[in-house]
Amino acid sequence: MKTAILTLDGMLQIILTPETEHEKMAVDMFKDNEGKAVVLAGGQFFECQGGWTRLQMADGHIHAENKERSLFIRLERENGKPADG
């Protein structure tokens, strides 16, 4: 997926351009967001024992002592459940 960040006159815009069918389906979920909410959170991925990569979100889901490095954009239904399309 190609990504771009545009800052212009105090406006911040994130542009996602899908390159595969899977990425296109994911982007389309955000375009058709009726009855869904976009949730933004800070966090990061980090390596742990056994070669696994884990997710640490700033809202306390998983704890680790690293600074936030990523922006997570989550699409969920208004009832708080994950949106599946």
Protein backbone atom coordinates (compact mmCIF):
# COMPACT_ATOMS: atom_id res chain seq x y z
CA MET A 1 0.00 0.00 0.00
CA LYS A 2 1.29 3.42 -0.88
CA THR A 3 0.86 6.03 1.84
CA ALA A 4 1.33 9.77 1.82
CA ILE A 5 0.94 12.47 4.45
CA LEU A 6 -0.04 15.94 3.29
CA THR A 7 0.12 19.00 5.53
CA LEU A 8 -1.26 22.19 4.05
CA ASP A 9 -2.55 25.35 5.74
CA GLY A 10 -3.03 23.65 9.11
CA MET A 11 -4.80 20.63 7.62
CA LEU A 12 -3.37 17.11 7.91
CA GLN A 13 -4.41 14.48 5.41
CA ILE A 14 -3.37 10.82 5.21
CA ILE A 15 -3.72 9.23 1.78
CA LEU A 16 -3.84 5.44 1.36
CA THR A 17 -3.51 3.99 -2.14
CA PRO A 18 -4.11 0.22 -2.25
CA GLU A 19 -1.96 -1.92 -4.52
CA THR A 20 -3.52 -5.36 -3.96
CA GLU A 21 -7.09 -6.65 -3.83
CA HIS A 22 -6.79 -7.24 -0.07
CA GLU A 23 -5.68 -3.63 0.48
CA LYS A 24 -8.48 -2.36 -1.80
CA MET A 25 -11.08 -4.22 0.27
CA ALA A 26 -9.62 -2.74 3.47
CA VAL A 27 -9.69 0.82 2.11
CA ASP A 28 -13.24 0.29 0.80
CA MET A 29 -14.35 -0.56 4.36
CA PHE A 30 -13.42 2.99 5.38
CA LYS A 31 -15.14 4.55 2.37
CA ASP A 32 -18.46 2.85 3.23
CA ASN A 33 -18.57 3.77 6.92
CA GLU A 34 -22.32 3.99 7.51
CA GLY A 35 -23.01 2.83 11.06
CA LYS A 36 -19.29 2.60 11.82
CA ALA A 37 -16.88 4.74 13.80
CA VAL A 38 -13.20 5.40 13.22
CA VAL A 39 -11.09 5.04 16.37
CA LEU A 40 -7.58 6.52 16.51
CA ALA A 41 -4.98 5.31 19.00
CA GLY A 42 -1.25 5.52 19.50
CA GLY A 43 0.90 2.45 19.88
CA GLN A 44 3.56 0.32 18.31
CA PHE A 45 4.63 -3.17 17.36
CA PHE A 46 7.46 -4.78 19.31
CA GLU A 47 9.32 -8.09 19.26
CA CYS A 48 9.01 -10.45 22.21
CA GLN A 49 10.36 -13.86 23.17
CA GLY A 50 9.91 -16.71 20.73
CA GLY A 51 10.13 -14.46 17.67
CA TRP A 52 6.58 -13.13 18.01
CA THR A 53 5.61 -9.55 17.20
CA ARG A 54 3.05 -8.00 19.52
CA LEU A 55 0.95 -4.87 19.48
CA GLN A 56 1.10 -2.30 22.27
CA MET A 57 -1.69 0.24 22.23
CA ALA A 58 -1.60 3.42 24.29
CA ASP A 59 -5.01 2.73 25.82
CA GLY A 60 -3.57 -0.11 27.90
CA HIS A 61 -4.53 -3.23 25.96
CA ILE A 62 -0.98 -4.58 26.04
CA HIS A 63 1.76 -3.14 28.23
CA ALA A 64 5.39 -2.53 27.37
CA GLU A 65 7.83 0.20 28.24
CA ASN A 66 8.36 1.66 24.77
CA LYS A 67 7.34 5.04 23.39
CA GLU A 68 4.46 5.23 20.93
CA ARG A 69 5.65 5.19 17.33
CA SER A 70 2.59 4.32 15.28
CA LEU A 71 -0.89 5.62 14.67
CA PHE A 72 -3.54 2.91 14.67
CA ILE A 73 -6.74 3.62 12.75
CA ARG A 74 -9.43 1.12 13.68
CA LEU A 75 -12.86 0.87 12.06
CA GLU A 76 -15.58 -0.50 14.31
CA ARG A 77 -19.33 -0.59 14.41
CA GLU A 78 -21.06 2.00 16.58
CA ASN A 79 -21.74 -0.76 19.14
CA GLY A 80 -17.97 -1.09 19.67
CA LYS A 81 -17.54 -4.39 17.83
CA PRO A 82 -15.01 -4.72 14.98
CA ALA A 83 -16.35 -3.84 11.55
CA ASP A 84 -16.08 -6.70 9.10
CA GLY A 85 -17.32 -5.00 5.99
